[in-house]
N, C-alpha and C. Protein backbone atom coordinates (compact mmCIF):
# COMPACT_ATOMS: atom_id res chain seq x y z
N MET A 1 1.00 -1.11 -0.01
CA MET A 1 -0.05 0.00 0.16
C MET A 1 1.00 1.28 0.02
N LYS A 2 0.42 2.27 -0.69
CA LYS A 2 1.21 3.55 -0.76
C LYS A 2 0.40 4.66 -0.29
N ALA A 3 0.94 5.72 0.13
CA ALA A 3 0.35 6.87 0.68
C ALA A 3 0.80 8.00 -0.24
N ASN A 4 -0.09 8.79 -0.83
CA ASN A 4 0.33 9.98 -1.59
C ASN A 4 0.13 11.31 -0.76
N ILE A 5 1.00 12.02 -0.56
CA ILE A 5 0.68 13.14 0.47
C ILE A 5 1.13 14.52 -0.41
N TRP A 6 0.15 15.38 -0.63
CA TRP A 6 0.59 16.75 -1.16
C TRP A 6 0.48 17.83 0.00
N VAL A 7 1.44 18.58 -0.05
CA VAL A 7 1.51 19.89 0.85
C VAL A 7 1.70 21.09 0.18
N MET A 8 0.82 21.97 0.54
CA MET A 8 0.93 23.19 -0.11
C MET A 8 0.86 24.26 0.66
N LEU A 9 1.32 25.58 0.45
CA LEU A 9 1.21 26.74 1.30
C LEU A 9 -0.24 27.08 1.40
N GLU A 10 -0.60 27.72 2.43
CA GLU A 10 -1.90 27.97 2.68
C GLU A 10 -2.30 29.31 1.52
N PRO A 11 -3.47 29.48 1.14
CA PRO A 11 -3.79 30.32 -0.03
C PRO A 11 -3.47 31.75 0.39
N THR A 12 -3.44 31.97 1.62
CA THR A 12 -3.01 33.47 2.30
C THR A 12 -1.63 33.80 2.45
N VAL A 13 -0.75 32.66 2.14
CA VAL A 13 0.64 32.92 2.50
C VAL A 13 1.22 33.20 1.02
N LEU A 14 2.21 34.28 0.97
CA LEU A 14 2.73 34.36 -0.22
C LEU A 14 3.63 33.28 -0.67
N ASP A 15 3.90 33.09 -1.95
CA ASP A 15 4.70 32.06 -2.36
C ASP A 15 5.69 32.69 -3.57
N PRO A 16 6.85 33.18 -3.04
CA PRO A 16 7.79 33.81 -3.91
C PRO A 16 8.26 32.69 -4.99
N GLN A 17 8.39 31.50 -4.64
CA GLN A 17 8.88 30.45 -5.77
C GLN A 17 7.76 30.32 -6.75
N GLY A 18 6.62 30.29 -6.30
CA GLY A 18 5.67 30.27 -7.46
C GLY A 18 5.55 31.45 -8.26
N GLN A 19 5.73 32.72 -7.75
CA GLN A 19 5.91 33.74 -8.40
C GLN A 19 7.00 33.89 -9.43
N THR A 20 8.23 33.33 -8.97
CA THR A 20 9.25 33.12 -9.82
C THR A 20 9.04 32.21 -10.98
N ILE A 21 8.31 31.16 -10.65
CA ILE A 21 7.98 30.21 -11.79
C ILE A 21 7.05 30.88 -12.85
N GLN A 22 6.04 31.49 -12.32
CA GLN A 22 5.27 32.24 -13.18
C GLN A 22 5.84 33.20 -14.09
N HIS A 23 6.82 33.95 -13.66
CA HIS A 23 7.63 34.84 -14.25
C HIS A 23 8.40 34.17 -15.27
N ALA A 24 9.11 33.18 -14.91
CA ALA A 24 9.82 32.31 -15.91
C ALA A 24 8.99 31.75 -17.07
N LEU A 25 7.77 31.34 -16.76
CA LEU A 25 6.79 30.74 -17.81
C LEU A 25 6.40 31.88 -18.79
N GLY A 26 6.12 33.24 -18.16
CA GLY A 26 5.78 34.36 -18.99
C GLY A 26 6.84 34.59 -19.98
N SER A 27 7.98 34.56 -19.56
CA SER A 27 9.29 34.83 -20.37
C SER A 27 9.36 33.85 -21.52
N LEU A 28 8.99 32.58 -21.31
CA LEU A 28 9.02 31.54 -22.22
C LEU A 28 7.83 31.58 -23.22
N GLY A 29 6.98 32.50 -22.98
CA GLY A 29 5.75 32.72 -23.95
C GLY A 29 4.48 31.92 -23.32
N TYR A 30 4.47 31.60 -22.08
CA TYR A 30 3.22 30.99 -21.58
C TYR A 30 2.56 32.13 -20.96
N THR A 31 1.93 32.93 -21.54
CA THR A 31 1.41 34.26 -21.01
C THR A 31 0.13 34.17 -20.37
N ASN A 32 -0.54 32.98 -20.83
CA ASN A 32 -2.03 32.67 -20.25
C ASN A 32 -1.89 32.15 -18.92
N VAL A 33 -0.65 31.74 -18.20
CA VAL A 33 -0.56 31.24 -16.81
C VAL A 33 -0.62 32.48 -15.94
N ARG A 34 -1.81 32.45 -15.14
CA ARG A 34 -2.00 33.69 -14.25
C ARG A 34 -1.63 33.44 -12.72
N GLY A 35 -1.06 32.32 -12.43
CA GLY A 35 -0.69 32.02 -10.90
C GLY A 35 -0.05 30.73 -10.98
N VAL A 36 0.93 30.50 -10.01
CA VAL A 36 1.45 29.48 -9.81
C VAL A 36 1.76 29.35 -8.38
N ARG A 37 1.39 28.10 -7.86
CA ARG A 37 1.61 27.82 -6.36
C ARG A 37 2.55 26.62 -6.37
N GLN A 38 3.60 26.53 -5.84
CA GLN A 38 4.51 25.38 -5.64
C GLN A 38 4.21 24.68 -4.21
N GLY A 39 4.42 23.51 -4.40
CA GLY A 39 4.24 22.56 -3.04
C GLY A 39 5.17 21.46 -2.96
N LYS A 40 4.88 20.34 -2.13
CA LYS A 40 5.75 19.31 -2.12
C LYS A 40 4.93 18.03 -2.08
N PHE A 41 5.24 17.05 -2.80
CA PHE A 41 4.60 15.68 -2.85
C PHE A 41 5.46 14.61 -2.30
N PHE A 42 4.81 13.62 -1.68
CA PHE A 42 5.48 12.64 -0.90
C PHE A 42 4.91 11.29 -1.21
N VAL A 43 5.52 10.23 -1.35
CA VAL A 43 4.99 8.88 -1.58
C VAL A 43 5.67 8.12 -0.45
N LEU A 44 4.72 7.61 0.39
CA LEU A 44 5.21 6.55 1.43
C LEU A 44 4.80 5.21 1.19
N ASP A 45 5.64 4.30 1.25
CA ASP A 45 5.42 2.79 0.91
C ASP A 45 5.10 2.32 2.50
N LEU A 46 3.90 1.65 2.57
CA LEU A 46 3.35 1.21 3.78
C LEU A 46 3.25 -0.44 3.75
N ASP A 47 3.58 -1.02 4.68
CA ASP A 47 3.50 -2.58 4.76
C ASP A 47 3.11 -2.92 6.06
N GLY A 48 2.33 -3.77 6.20
CA GLY A 48 1.77 -4.47 7.27
C GLY A 48 0.81 -3.88 8.12
N ILE A 49 -0.05 -3.03 7.50
CA ILE A 49 -0.92 -2.07 8.28
C ILE A 49 -2.29 -2.00 7.59
N SER A 50 -3.35 -2.03 8.30
CA SER A 50 -4.63 -1.95 7.89
C SER A 50 -4.99 -0.51 7.18
N ARG A 51 -5.87 -0.43 6.21
CA ARG A 51 -6.15 0.82 5.72
C ARG A 51 -6.48 1.76 6.70
N GLU A 52 -7.26 1.54 7.64
CA GLU A 52 -7.81 2.43 8.66
C GLU A 52 -6.56 2.92 9.42
N ASP A 53 -5.69 2.06 9.83
CA ASP A 53 -4.56 2.51 10.64
C ASP A 53 -3.55 3.26 9.75
N ALA A 54 -3.64 2.89 8.57
CA ALA A 54 -2.69 3.67 7.49
C ALA A 54 -3.28 5.12 7.51
N GLU A 55 -4.37 5.40 7.24
CA GLU A 55 -5.06 6.70 7.17
C GLU A 55 -4.62 7.62 8.46
N LYS A 56 -4.86 6.82 9.57
CA LYS A 56 -4.44 7.43 10.83
C LYS A 56 -2.97 7.88 10.93
N GLN A 57 -2.04 6.98 10.61
CA GLN A 57 -0.76 7.44 10.82
C GLN A 57 -0.21 8.31 9.78
N VAL A 58 -0.78 8.07 8.49
CA VAL A 58 -0.38 9.03 7.41
C VAL A 58 -0.77 10.52 7.80
N GLU A 59 -2.09 10.68 8.32
CA GLU A 59 -2.52 12.00 8.62
C GLU A 59 -1.67 12.59 9.85
N ARG A 60 -1.21 11.73 10.79
CA ARG A 60 -0.33 12.24 11.74
C ARG A 60 1.05 12.60 11.23
N ILE A 61 1.55 11.83 10.25
CA ILE A 61 2.81 12.03 9.72
C ILE A 61 2.73 13.31 8.98
N ALA A 62 1.80 13.74 8.22
CA ALA A 62 1.57 14.83 7.46
C ALA A 62 1.49 16.02 8.29
N ARG A 63 0.89 15.83 9.32
CA ARG A 63 0.53 17.03 10.19
C ARG A 63 1.73 17.34 11.04
N GLU A 64 2.41 16.30 11.63
CA GLU A 64 3.47 16.46 12.67
C GLU A 64 4.93 16.72 12.06
N VAL A 65 4.99 16.00 10.82
CA VAL A 65 6.43 16.09 10.20
C VAL A 65 6.55 16.66 8.93
N LEU A 66 5.65 16.45 7.91
CA LEU A 66 5.70 16.91 6.51
C LEU A 66 5.35 18.33 6.44
N ALA A 67 4.15 18.81 7.14
CA ALA A 67 3.64 20.06 6.97
C ALA A 67 3.83 21.04 8.33
N ASN A 68 4.02 22.31 7.88
CA ASN A 68 3.94 23.19 8.82
C ASN A 68 2.59 23.70 8.96
N PRO A 69 1.80 23.39 10.00
CA PRO A 69 0.31 23.84 10.02
C PRO A 69 0.05 25.31 10.13
N VAL A 70 1.16 26.12 10.45
CA VAL A 70 0.95 27.47 10.59
C VAL A 70 0.66 28.14 9.23
N ILE A 71 1.54 27.64 8.17
CA ILE A 71 1.60 28.17 6.88
C ILE A 71 1.17 27.12 5.78
N GLU A 72 1.14 25.82 6.06
CA GLU A 72 0.71 24.96 5.09
C GLU A 72 -0.58 24.13 5.20
N GLN A 73 -0.96 23.58 4.26
CA GLN A 73 -2.30 22.52 4.31
C GLN A 73 -1.74 21.41 3.64
N PHE A 74 -2.39 20.22 3.84
CA PHE A 74 -2.07 19.01 3.27
C PHE A 74 -3.26 18.16 2.86
N ARG A 75 -3.16 17.34 1.96
CA ARG A 75 -4.09 16.25 1.75
C ARG A 75 -3.43 14.87 1.33
N PHE A 76 -4.22 13.97 1.37
CA PHE A 76 -3.49 12.54 1.22
C PHE A 76 -4.32 11.54 0.58
N GLU A 77 -3.82 10.55 0.01
CA GLU A 77 -4.72 9.53 -0.33
C GLU A 77 -3.94 8.09 -0.16
N ILE A 78 -4.69 7.08 0.12
CA ILE A 78 -3.92 5.66 0.25
C ILE A 78 -4.44 4.86 -0.94
N VAL A 79 -3.39 4.51 -1.56
CA VAL A 79 -3.60 3.65 -2.75
C VAL A 79 -3.19 2.28 -2.51
N GLU A 80 -3.95 1.29 -2.79
CA GLU A 80 -3.81 -0.07 -2.59
C GLU A 80 -2.80 -0.53 -3.75
């Protein structure tokens, strides 16, 4: 079983890296891109655990280790 976890800055937090990417895209002719938000993506390989326990552990890992709850939000999915 795998867990896919996405961590993104909260919408109210400035994203200078996203702004830099958007500017670069505009310079390359992609002028229709109006905004870019960058984030992090994690894949966890899980073994010997039930789906219910996996969901609990992955949420805890994302909240306590992978994301800064003050400025970031996260979502995850469990993939069999």
